[in-house]
């Protein structure tokens, strides 16, 4: 029987080991104490709110200990947790509430404003504030927990395919879909990441990415708890606080996304940060520019790159320390129990060195999208392969490299162009702070590349300078034929550029633009 009460199992084995450091409050909890909090949460759901096996409860909160309570309570109670993004509007939250069929919502008091708007749109059986409620008829979490009678709690028996949580995708290309995440996926993520990444009870990992996202939950929280290590919880992203905490707590393994690694690198504190405890850093969520890896390696730190999606259990590839040096820029090899293949547009397998769509199969793969059979059928084929939509290459040794999203690829002059490699080359220019490339219709080329650039220097680089910079690194057909400059790029909370917004900007502006945005003539 595979039931994902990973915290309960770890607390049974090492109850007195350090489990959590809460940077915001200073609280330190061992596994016995953290597990007791999760039990209380499970009891509030089942006994105070009357939620049954399979019922959905929403959680809208910034990072705080109560988020861990709720996540691990799902492994004990049979109740399905639905984490919700703190950046969503009331209208966007309404979609998640209605689609998931929530019966109750637990929320952070700091988000009472958007909750008040949401309450005007939907009816729920219970609204519970983690702090003192400011909204009428909303309950305080502490009151419900304090009113529980003494009880010998026994966890609800769950089957491997029972839902543990519904994790809603970011919805950059449409309405968010709920990824069905059963106990089997959560448990496998914990066990296999520990084994494949070599985690142990001695590891200490800071968590500063949002815990409503699959990356925050599955990339390190679940595996570190499974290994019996220590989680250092940050309420938000503060580079100075993070570097101080890495030294103070002796952090050993650290996860981030490219945007975060860039900001941490540029923080004033990085130059003198004590990194002596760090075993390795790892990036995921989006393609990582090689210059960022180089910058950290110059400090003597091992830097790895990973890969995963919400739909495939987050962690799917692994590499050794030696591989991180010899195969810089690779995401490694598929983890144990993970099958991977690359296919062309007709579903035929492609050989080494050829770009194809990455497909994954194994016990870490979701059964599909909640109440969305058409979307499930489009992504998950009858043989159990999940089609990721990401394009990749595999070398002769079995190492994979991501070329970019299939939907981002465009065809210019009859040739496939993958924006990710253009963006990586642009970020090597000293005058470029950030960059993204999209394909737009063009009467001559069919499609052409438009580069959106956030300049680092003043004056900014010209399109001609940037085109010349790329011309020395990429084939001429890959060099964008139009340029736009911006103060920042639209990104999701997890660092992915919302390219649809950039296409809309191009469509609104057309070929017109100011002096900086003039087109650079580039021969194909």
Protein backbone atom coordinates (compact mmCIF):
# COMPACT_ATOMS: atom_id res chain seq x y z
CA UNK A 1 0.00 0.00 0.00
CA UNK A 2 1.50 3.32 -1.09
CA UNK A 3 0.06 6.18 0.93
CA UNK A 4 1.86 9.50 0.85
CA UNK A 5 1.85 10.29 4.58
CA UNK A 6 5.57 10.94 4.25
CA UNK A 7 5.75 13.28 7.22
CA UNK A 8 4.00 10.76 9.46
CA UNK A 9 6.39 8.00 8.43
CA UNK A 10 9.43 10.20 8.94
CA UNK A 11 8.16 11.35 12.35
CA UNK A 12 7.76 7.70 13.34
CA UNK A 13 11.39 6.99 12.44
CA UNK A 14 13.19 10.15 13.61
CA UNK A 15 10.77 12.12 15.81
CA UNK A 16 13.43 14.29 17.46
CA UNK A 17 15.37 15.23 14.32
CA UNK A 18 15.15 18.90 13.21
CA UNK A 19 12.46 19.25 10.56
CA UNK A 20 11.74 22.94 10.07
CA UNK A 21 13.21 26.38 10.67
CA UNK A 22 10.76 29.23 10.06
CA UNK A 23 12.87 32.27 9.18
CA UNK A 24 9.94 34.69 9.58
CA UNK A 25 8.97 33.69 13.14
CA UNK A 26 12.16 32.03 14.32
CA UNK A 27 10.28 28.84 15.22
CA UNK A 28 12.17 25.53 15.15
CA UNK A 29 10.23 22.28 14.98
CA UNK A 30 11.32 18.66 15.10
CA UNK A 31 9.50 15.93 13.20
CA UNK A 32 7.25 15.01 16.11
CA UNK A 33 6.09 18.62 16.47
CA UNK A 34 5.61 19.21 12.75
CA UNK A 35 3.65 15.98 12.40
CA UNK A 36 1.43 16.91 15.36
CA UNK A 37 0.53 20.17 13.59
CA UNK A 38 -0.41 18.28 10.44
CA UNK A 39 -2.58 15.91 12.49
CA UNK A 40 -4.39 18.89 14.01
CA UNK A 41 -4.96 20.31 10.53
CA UNK A 42 -6.36 17.00 9.32
CA UNK A 43 -8.70 16.85 12.31
CA UNK A 44 -9.97 20.40 11.70
CA UNK A 45 -10.80 19.46 8.15
CA UNK A 46 -12.53 16.20 9.04
CA UNK A 47 -14.12 16.99 12.43
CA UNK A 48 -14.67 20.76 12.52
CA UNK A 49 -15.40 21.39 8.84
CA UNK A 50 -17.00 18.01 8.12
CA UNK A 51 -14.90 17.30 5.03
CA UNK A 52 -14.88 13.69 3.85
CA UNK A 53 -12.60 11.47 1.81
CA UNK A 54 -12.16 13.05 -1.64
CA UNK A 55 -13.63 16.44 -0.70
CA UNK A 56 -11.58 19.45 -1.84
CA UNK A 57 -10.31 22.20 0.44
CA UNK A 58 -8.64 25.32 -0.93
CA UNK A 59 -5.56 27.00 0.51
CA UNK A 60 -4.72 30.62 -0.35
CA UNK A 61 -1.63 31.76 1.50
CA UNK A 62 1.87 33.12 1.35
CA UNK A 63 4.64 30.81 2.57
CA UNK A 64 4.11 29.99 6.26
CA UNK A 65 4.20 26.92 8.47
CA UNK A 66 0.46 26.41 8.08
CA UNK A 67 1.03 25.65 4.40
CA UNK A 68 3.18 22.69 5.39
CA UNK A 69 0.52 21.65 7.90
CA UNK A 70 -2.10 21.62 5.16
CA UNK A 71 0.02 19.87 2.55
CA UNK A 72 0.98 17.02 4.85
CA UNK A 73 -2.54 16.82 6.30
CA UNK A 74 -3.69 15.78 2.84
CA UNK A 75 -1.54 12.66 3.22
CA UNK A 76 -3.32 11.74 6.46
CA UNK A 77 -6.95 12.68 5.90
CA UNK A 78 -8.09 11.65 2.44
CA UNK A 79 -9.12 15.29 1.88
CA UNK A 80 -7.80 16.73 -1.40
CA UNK A 81 -5.79 19.94 -1.08
CA UNK A 82 -6.10 22.67 -3.73
CA UNK A 83 -3.31 25.27 -3.34
CA UNK A 84 -4.17 28.58 -5.00
CA UNK A 85 -1.86 31.25 -6.41
CA UNK A 86 -1.57 34.39 -4.30
CA UNK A 87 -1.19 36.58 -7.40
CA UNK A 88 -4.53 35.54 -8.88
CA UNK A 89 -7.43 37.96 -9.08
CA UNK A 90 -10.84 37.17 -7.62
CA UNK A 91 -12.08 36.28 -11.12
CA UNK A 92 -9.19 33.85 -11.64
CA UNK A 93 -9.70 32.33 -8.19
CA UNK A 94 -13.39 31.90 -8.97
CA UNK A 95 -12.49 29.62 -11.88
CA UNK A 96 -10.33 27.43 -9.61
CA UNK A 97 -13.03 27.29 -6.91
CA UNK A 98 -15.77 26.29 -9.33
CA UNK A 99 -13.67 23.92 -11.41
CA UNK A 100 -12.29 22.05 -8.40
CA UNK A 101 -15.60 21.99 -6.53
CA UNK A 102 -14.23 23.38 -3.26
CA UNK A 103 -16.27 22.97 -0.11
CA UNK A 104 -14.07 25.18 2.06
CA UNK A 105 -11.29 27.76 1.76
CA UNK A 106 -8.50 28.40 4.26
CA UNK A 107 -6.69 31.68 3.69
CA UNK A 108 -3.96 34.02 4.89
CA UNK A 109 -5.26 37.14 6.63
CA UNK A 110 -3.08 39.32 4.41
CA UNK A 111 -5.21 38.20 1.46
CA UNK A 112 -8.56 39.14 3.03
CA UNK A 113 -9.13 41.78 0.32
CA UNK A 114 -9.19 39.36 -2.61
CA UNK A 115 -11.06 36.80 -0.47
CA UNK A 116 -13.80 39.38 0.17
CA UNK A 117 -14.17 39.85 -3.59
CA UNK A 118 -14.19 36.10 -4.11
CA UNK A 119 -16.90 35.64 -1.47
CA UNK A 120 -19.17 37.86 -3.55
CA UNK A 121 -18.73 35.53 -6.50
CA UNK A 122 -18.98 32.05 -4.95
CA UNK A 123 -20.70 30.31 -2.03
CA UNK A 124 -18.68 27.93 0.12
CA UNK A 125 -19.63 25.96 3.20
CA UNK A 126 -16.73 27.38 5.21
CA UNK A 127 -14.28 30.29 5.05
CA UNK A 128 -11.42 29.99 7.54
CA UNK A 129 -8.76 32.63 8.21
CA UNK A 130 -5.34 31.54 9.44
CA UNK A 131 -5.18 34.83 11.36
CA UNK A 132 -7.82 36.87 13.16
CA UNK A 133 -10.62 37.17 10.55
CA UNK A 134 -11.66 40.63 9.41
CA UNK A 135 -14.57 39.37 7.31
CA UNK A 136 -17.99 38.61 8.83
CA UNK A 137 -19.01 34.95 9.28
CA UNK A 138 -15.45 33.77 8.65
CA UNK A 139 -13.93 31.49 11.26
CA UNK A 140 -10.51 31.74 12.89
CA UNK A 141 -8.30 28.69 12.43
CA UNK A 142 -7.10 28.82 16.03
CA UNK A 143 -10.67 28.73 17.37
CA UNK A 144 -11.47 25.60 15.37
CA UNK A 145 -8.23 23.88 16.41
CA UNK A 146 -8.62 24.78 20.10
CA UNK A 147 -12.18 23.40 20.18
CA UNK A 148 -11.15 19.90 19.06
CA UNK A 149 -11.75 17.27 21.74
CA UNK A 150 -9.01 14.91 22.84
CA UNK A 151 -8.67 12.10 20.35
CA UNK A 152 -6.47 9.21 19.28
CA UNK A 153 -6.18 10.19 15.63
CA UNK A 154 -5.71 7.48 13.04
CA UNK A 155 -4.96 8.48 9.49
CA UNK A 156 -7.54 7.78 6.81
CA UNK A 157 -6.59 4.83 4.64
CA UNK A 158 -5.88 5.99 1.08
CA UNK A 159 -5.18 4.03 -2.08
CA UNK A 160 -2.27 4.91 -4.38
CA UNK A 161 -4.58 6.45 -6.99
CA UNK A 162 -6.64 8.48 -4.50
CA UNK A 163 -6.10 12.18 -5.13
CA UNK A 164 -3.68 13.91 -2.78
CA UNK A 165 -3.98 17.39 -4.30
CA UNK A 166 -5.07 19.30 -7.38
CA UNK A 167 -2.28 21.55 -8.66
CA UNK A 168 -3.50 24.16 -11.12
CA UNK A 169 -1.21 25.04 -14.00
CA UNK A 170 -0.16 28.65 -14.49
CA UNK A 171 -2.48 29.10 -17.44
CA UNK A 172 -0.09 31.14 -19.62
CA UNK A 173 -1.88 29.90 -22.74
CA UNK A 174 -5.43 29.62 -21.42
CA UNK A 175 -7.47 28.87 -18.32
CA UNK A 176 -5.59 26.93 -15.64
CA UNK A 177 -6.19 23.18 -15.56
CA UNK A 178 -6.13 21.09 -12.41
CA UNK A 179 -3.41 18.45 -12.55
CA UNK A 180 -4.62 15.36 -10.69
CA UNK A 181 -1.87 14.39 -8.25
CA UNK A 182 -2.52 11.07 -6.50
CA UNK A 183 -0.74 9.64 -3.44
CA UNK A 184 1.33 7.47 -5.77
CA UNK A 185 2.88 10.53 -7.47
CA UNK A 186 3.74 12.30 -4.21
CA UNK A 187 5.30 9.22 -2.66
CA UNK A 188 7.33 8.37 -5.75
CA UNK A 189 8.57 11.95 -6.02
CA UNK A 190 9.82 11.79 -2.44
CA UNK A 191 11.50 8.38 -2.60
CA UNK A 192 12.98 8.64 -6.09
CA UNK A 193 14.37 12.16 -5.67
CA UNK A 194 16.12 11.13 -2.47
CA UNK A 195 17.70 8.14 -4.23
CA UNK A 196 18.47 9.73 -7.59
CA UNK A 197 19.72 13.06 -6.24
CA UNK A 198 21.57 11.59 -3.27
CA UNK A 199 19.74 13.51 -0.54
CA UNK A 200 20.17 12.56 3.12
CA UNK A 201 19.11 13.45 6.66
CA UNK A 202 22.11 15.80 6.83
CA UNK A 203 20.76 18.04 4.09
CA UNK A 204 19.40 21.48 4.92
CA UNK A 205 17.45 23.26 2.19
CA UNK A 206 15.95 26.76 2.08
CA UNK A 207 12.49 27.05 0.49
CA UNK A 208 11.74 30.54 -0.81
CA UNK A 209 9.74 29.71 -3.93
CA UNK A 210 5.92 29.81 -3.57
CA UNK A 211 4.52 26.71 -1.86
CA UNK A 212 1.29 26.93 -3.85
CA UNK A 213 3.35 25.84 -6.88
CA UNK A 214 4.38 22.29 -7.68
CA UNK A 215 8.04 23.29 -7.75
CA UNK A 216 7.98 24.62 -4.20
CA UNK A 217 6.14 21.55 -2.95
CA UNK A 218 7.68 18.75 -4.96
CA UNK A 219 11.17 19.82 -5.94
CA UNK A 220 12.61 19.97 -2.43
CA UNK A 221 9.96 20.12 0.32
CA UNK A 222 8.68 16.56 -0.16
CA UNK A 223 12.11 15.01 -0.87
CA UNK A 224 13.84 16.74 2.07
CA UNK A 225 11.09 15.61 4.46
CA UNK A 226 11.29 12.09 3.01
CA UNK A 227 15.05 12.01 3.63
CA UNK A 228 14.64 13.37 7.15
CA UNK A 229 16.52 16.59 6.42
CA UNK A 230 15.73 20.14 7.50
CA UNK A 231 13.59 22.67 5.60
CA UNK A 232 14.38 26.35 6.11
CA UNK A 233 11.20 28.23 5.24
CA UNK A 234 11.24 31.80 3.92
CA UNK A 235 8.03 33.80 3.72
CA UNK A 236 9.13 35.43 0.48
CA UNK A 237 12.09 36.13 -1.74
CA UNK A 238 14.69 38.41 -0.16
CA UNK A 239 18.21 37.89 -1.59
CA UNK A 240 19.99 39.40 1.42
CA UNK A 241 17.98 37.27 3.84
CA UNK A 242 18.59 34.15 1.78
CA UNK A 243 22.38 34.55 1.66
CA UNK A 244 22.48 35.27 5.39
CA UNK A 245 20.36 32.21 6.10
CA UNK A 246 22.42 29.91 3.86
CA UNK A 247 25.42 30.69 6.07
CA UNK A 248 23.59 30.77 9.42
CA UNK A 249 21.73 27.46 8.92
CA UNK A 250 24.44 25.64 6.97
CA UNK A 251 22.25 25.06 3.91
CA UNK A 252 23.53 22.27 1.68
CA UNK A 253 21.22 22.00 -1.36
CA UNK A 254 19.32 24.93 -2.86
CA UNK A 255 16.66 25.07 -5.57
CA UNK A 256 15.80 28.12 -7.64
CA UNK A 257 14.61 29.20 -11.07
CA UNK A 258 16.80 31.15 -13.53
CA UNK A 259 15.29 34.52 -12.61
CA UNK A 260 15.98 33.87 -8.92
CA UNK A 261 19.55 32.69 -9.54
CA UNK A 262 20.21 35.83 -11.54
CA UNK A 263 18.83 38.07 -8.77
CA UNK A 264 20.80 36.19 -6.10
CA UNK A 265 23.93 36.53 -8.21
CA UNK A 266 23.44 40.28 -8.59
CA UNK A 267 22.69 40.84 -4.89
CA UNK A 268 25.32 42.85 -3.05
CA UNK A 269 25.63 40.09 -0.43
CA UNK A 270 26.69 37.45 -2.95
CA UNK A 271 30.30 38.65 -3.17
CA UNK A 272 30.94 37.87 0.51
CA UNK A 273 28.37 35.08 1.01
CA UNK A 274 29.65 32.07 2.94
CA UNK A 275 28.98 29.12 0.62
CA UNK A 276 31.16 26.61 2.43
CA UNK A 277 28.19 24.44 3.49
CA UNK A 278 26.66 24.20 0.00
CA UNK A 279 26.92 20.80 -1.71
CA UNK A 280 25.20 21.97 -4.87
CA UNK A 281 22.69 24.39 -6.37
CA UNK A 282 20.06 23.38 -8.89
CA UNK A 283 17.89 25.33 -11.32
CA UNK A 284 14.58 24.38 -12.89
CA UNK A 285 11.36 25.85 -14.23
CA UNK A 286 12.86 27.46 -17.34
CA UNK A 287 15.99 27.24 -19.55
CA UNK A 288 19.10 28.40 -17.71
CA UNK A 289 21.70 30.65 -19.41
CA UNK A 290 25.18 29.12 -19.25
CA UNK A 291 26.73 32.37 -18.01
CA UNK A 292 24.79 32.00 -14.76
CA UNK A 293 26.25 28.51 -14.25
CA UNK A 294 29.73 29.90 -14.98
CA UNK A 295 29.32 32.70 -12.43
CA UNK A 296 28.45 30.31 -9.61
CA UNK A 297 31.08 27.78 -10.59
CA UNK A 298 33.67 30.56 -10.35
CA UNK A 299 32.79 30.68 -6.64
CA UNK A 300 33.59 26.98 -6.43
CA UNK A 301 29.96 25.85 -6.16
CA UNK A 302 28.54 22.87 -8.05
CA UNK A 303 25.61 24.00 -10.19
CA UNK A 304 23.15 21.53 -11.68
CA UNK A 305 20.15 21.94 -13.94
CA UNK A 306 16.98 19.89 -13.51
CA UNK A 307 13.74 19.40 -15.38
CA UNK A 308 10.16 18.63 -14.54
CA UNK A 309 6.55 19.62 -14.99
CA UNK A 310 3.59 19.63 -12.64
CA UNK A 311 2.09 16.82 -14.72
CA UNK A 312 5.12 14.55 -14.34
CA UNK A 313 5.90 14.88 -10.66
CA UNK A 314 8.37 17.78 -10.93
CA UNK A 315 11.69 15.90 -10.70
CA UNK A 316 12.45 13.74 -13.74
CA UNK A 317 16.20 14.02 -14.44
CA UNK A 318 19.37 13.78 -12.40
CA UNK A 319 23.11 14.22 -12.76
CA UNK A 320 26.24 13.66 -10.71
CA UNK A 321 28.60 16.40 -9.59
CA UNK A 322 31.07 15.29 -12.26
CA UNK A 323 28.33 15.44 -14.90
CA UNK A 324 27.46 19.01 -13.89
CA UNK A 325 30.94 20.04 -15.02
CA UNK A 326 31.38 17.80 -18.05
CA UNK A 327 27.79 18.25 -19.30
CA UNK A 328 27.20 21.90 -18.43
CA UNK A 329 23.80 23.03 -19.73
CA UNK A 330 22.39 19.48 -19.74
CA UNK A 331 19.46 18.46 -17.55
CA UNK A 332 21.12 15.08 -17.06
CA UNK A 333 19.70 11.61 -17.54
CA UNK A 334 16.19 10.33 -16.69
CA UNK A 335 15.82 9.40 -13.02
CA UNK A 336 15.30 5.81 -11.89
CA UNK A 337 11.99 4.43 -13.09
CA UNK A 338 11.58 7.24 -15.63
CA UNK A 339 11.24 6.35 -19.30
CA UNK A 340 12.03 9.12 -21.79
CA UNK A 341 11.89 9.35 -25.57
CA UNK A 342 12.03 12.05 -28.25
CA UNK A 343 9.58 12.01 -31.16
CA UNK A 344 9.04 14.03 -34.32
CA UNK A 345 5.78 15.62 -35.42
CA UNK A 346 4.48 12.25 -36.63
CA UNK A 347 5.27 10.48 -33.35
CA UNK A 348 8.33 8.67 -34.70
CA UNK A 349 11.39 8.39 -32.50
CA UNK A 350 14.42 10.52 -33.35
CA UNK A 351 18.05 9.66 -32.85
CA UNK A 352 20.88 11.36 -30.96
CA UNK A 353 21.50 15.01 -31.80
CA UNK A 354 18.05 15.49 -33.37
CA UNK A 355 15.47 17.78 -31.76
CA UNK A 356 12.21 16.08 -30.86
CA UNK A 357 9.36 16.42 -28.41
CA UNK A 358 10.21 15.02 -24.98
CA UNK A 359 7.79 12.32 -23.80
CA UNK A 360 7.92 10.76 -20.34
CA UNK A 361 6.39 7.65 -18.79
CA UNK A 362 6.56 6.16 -15.31
CA UNK A 363 5.07 6.14 -11.80
CA UNK A 364 5.65 9.88 -11.50
CA UNK A 365 3.19 10.77 -14.27
CA UNK A 366 -0.24 12.27 -13.48
CA UNK A 367 -3.38 10.41 -14.60
CA UNK A 368 -4.47 13.64 -16.28
CA UNK A 369 -6.39 16.86 -15.83
CA UNK A 370 -9.35 17.25 -13.50
CA UNK A 371 -12.67 17.11 -15.32
CA UNK A 372 -10.91 17.70 -18.66
CA UNK A 373 -10.90 14.45 -20.67
CA UNK A 374 -10.07 16.17 -23.95
CA UNK A 375 -7.02 17.91 -22.49
CA UNK A 376 -5.97 14.65 -20.86
CA UNK A 377 -6.24 12.72 -24.12
CA UNK A 378 -4.23 15.40 -25.93
CA UNK A 379 -1.33 15.13 -23.49
CA UNK A 380 -1.39 11.49 -22.37
CA UNK A 381 -1.38 8.86 -25.11
CA UNK A 382 -2.90 5.36 -24.80
CA UNK A 383 0.51 3.84 -23.99
CA UNK A 384 0.92 6.12 -20.97
CA UNK A 385 3.43 8.55 -22.50
CA UNK A 386 3.00 12.15 -21.40
CA UNK A 387 3.80 14.56 -24.21
CA UNK A 388 5.50 17.48 -22.48
CA UNK A 389 5.45 19.98 -25.33
CA UNK A 390 9.14 20.63 -24.67
CA UNK A 391 11.67 20.06 -27.43
CA UNK A 392 14.97 18.43 -26.53
CA UNK A 393 18.10 16.73 -27.85
CA UNK A 394 19.77 13.58 -26.53
CA UNK A 395 23.46 12.93 -27.06
CA UNK A 396 25.18 9.59 -27.59
CA UNK A 397 25.79 9.21 -23.84
CA UNK A 398 22.12 9.67 -22.94
CA UNK A 399 22.28 13.24 -21.64
CA UNK A 400 19.36 15.50 -22.52
CA UNK A 401 19.30 19.21 -23.35
CA UNK A 402 16.15 21.31 -23.65
CA UNK A 403 15.82 23.24 -26.92
CA UNK A 404 12.64 25.10 -25.93
CA UNK A 405 8.87 24.81 -25.86
CA UNK A 406 7.33 23.26 -28.93
CA UNK A 407 4.65 25.94 -28.98
CA UNK A 408 7.38 28.62 -28.92
CA UNK A 409 9.09 27.20 -32.02
CA UNK A 410 8.47 29.11 -35.23
CA UNK A 411 9.36 28.42 -38.86
CA UNK A 412 11.30 31.14 -40.64
CA UNK A 413 12.14 30.61 -44.28
CA UNK A 414 11.18 26.95 -43.95
CA UNK A 415 13.58 26.28 -41.05
CA UNK A 416 12.62 25.48 -37.42
CA UNK A 417 13.80 28.12 -34.96
CA UNK A 418 13.85 27.54 -31.19
CA UNK A 419 13.76 30.80 -29.17
CA UNK A 420 15.45 29.34 -26.07
CA UNK A 421 18.89 29.13 -27.68
CA UNK A 422 18.58 32.68 -29.06
CA UNK A 423 17.59 33.98 -25.64
CA UNK A 424 20.54 32.23 -24.01
CA UNK A 425 22.93 33.85 -26.49
CA UNK A 426 21.38 37.29 -26.01
CA UNK A 427 21.90 37.06 -22.26
CA UNK A 428 25.65 36.73 -22.87
CA UNK A 429 25.72 40.33 -24.12
CA UNK A 430 26.89 42.67 -21.31
CA UNK A 431 24.22 45.22 -22.20
CA UNK A 432 21.29 42.78 -21.88
CA UNK A 433 19.48 42.31 -18.57
CA UNK A 434 16.70 40.02 -19.84
CA UNK A 435 15.45 38.78 -23.19
CA UNK A 436 12.70 36.77 -24.85
CA UNK A 437 12.09 35.86 -28.49
CA UNK A 438 8.75 35.17 -30.17
CA UNK A 439 7.73 34.30 -33.70
CA UNK A 440 5.24 36.50 -35.56
CA UNK A 441 3.72 36.25 -39.06
CA UNK A 442 5.79 37.75 -41.88
CA UNK A 443 4.91 37.96 -45.60
CA UNK A 444 8.48 37.24 -46.73
CA UNK A 445 9.69 34.63 -44.25
CA UNK A 446 6.38 33.04 -43.21
CA UNK A 447 7.35 33.84 -39.62
CA UNK A 448 10.12 35.98 -38.23
CA UNK A 449 11.72 36.33 -34.83
CA UNK A 450 11.09 39.37 -32.67
CA UNK A 451 13.43 39.89 -29.72
CA UNK A 452 12.15 41.70 -26.63
CA UNK A 453 15.13 43.01 -24.69
CA UNK A 454 15.46 44.56 -21.24
CA UNK A 455 18.69 46.59 -21.47
CA UNK A 456 21.28 46.57 -18.69
CA UNK A 457 23.35 49.50 -19.97
CA UNK A 458 22.63 53.17 -20.62
CA UNK A 459 22.63 53.88 -23.47
CA UNK A 460 21.19 50.51 -24.40
CA UNK A 461 22.73 48.36 -27.13
CA UNK A 462 21.36 48.97 -30.62
CA UNK A 463 19.59 46.29 -32.64
CA UNK A 464 22.58 46.25 -34.98
CA UNK A 465 24.94 45.55 -32.09
CA UNK A 466 22.76 42.75 -30.79
CA UNK A 467 22.35 41.24 -34.26
CA UNK A 468 26.13 41.27 -34.71
CA UNK A 469 26.55 39.68 -31.26
CA UNK A 470 24.21 36.83 -32.22
CA UNK A 471 25.71 36.51 -35.70
CA UNK A 472 28.97 35.34 -34.18
CA UNK A 473 27.23 32.63 -32.14
CA UNK A 474 24.22 31.39 -34.11
CA UNK A 475 23.28 30.57 -37.68
CA UNK A 476 22.08 33.68 -39.51
CA UNK A 477 18.55 32.39 -39.92
CA UNK A 478 18.15 32.34 -36.13
CA UNK A 479 18.96 36.03 -35.65
CA UNK A 480 15.75 38.01 -34.92
CA UNK A 481 14.66 40.33 -37.67
CA UNK A 482 12.90 42.81 -35.38
CA UNK A 483 13.63 44.21 -31.93
CA UNK A 484 11.63 45.70 -29.11
CA UNK A 485 12.99 47.15 -25.87
CA UNK A 486 11.14 47.02 -22.56
CA UNK A 487 11.59 47.88 -18.89
CA UNK A 488 10.69 44.32 -17.90
CA UNK A 489 9.24 41.12 -19.32
CA UNK A 490 5.90 39.66 -18.18
CA UNK A 491 6.59 36.57 -16.07
CA UNK A 492 4.63 34.09 -14.02
CA UNK A 493 5.33 33.70 -10.31
CA UNK A 494 7.71 30.89 -11.19
CA UNK A 495 9.77 32.90 -13.64
CA UNK A 496 8.36 31.81 -17.01
CA UNK A 497 7.92 34.56 -19.60
CA UNK A 498 4.29 35.00 -20.69
CA UNK A 499 5.06 35.07 -24.39
CA UNK A 500 1.44 35.51 -25.39
CA UNK A 501 1.58 39.00 -23.87
CA UNK A 502 4.63 39.81 -25.98
CA UNK A 503 2.89 38.65 -29.16
CA UNK A 504 -0.09 40.85 -28.25
CA UNK A 505 2.25 43.81 -27.79
CA UNK A 506 3.73 43.23 -31.23
CA UNK A 507 0.27 42.92 -32.76
CA UNK A 508 -0.77 46.19 -31.11
CA UNK A 509 2.33 48.10 -32.19
CA UNK A 510 2.82 46.47 -35.59
CA UNK A 511 5.95 47.51 -37.44
CA UNK A 512 5.87 50.95 -35.84
CA UNK A 513 8.22 51.83 -33.01
CA UNK A 514 10.48 54.47 -31.63
CA UNK A 515 14.15 55.03 -32.40
CA UNK A 516 15.30 52.17 -30.15
CA UNK A 517 12.78 49.74 -31.62
CA UNK A 518 13.74 50.14 -35.26
CA UNK A 519 14.27 46.94 -37.21
CA UNK A 520 17.80 45.81 -37.94
CA UNK A 521 18.32 44.54 -41.47
CA UNK A 522 19.57 41.00 -41.18
CA UNK A 523 20.19 38.76 -44.16
CA UNK A 524 18.59 35.37 -43.88
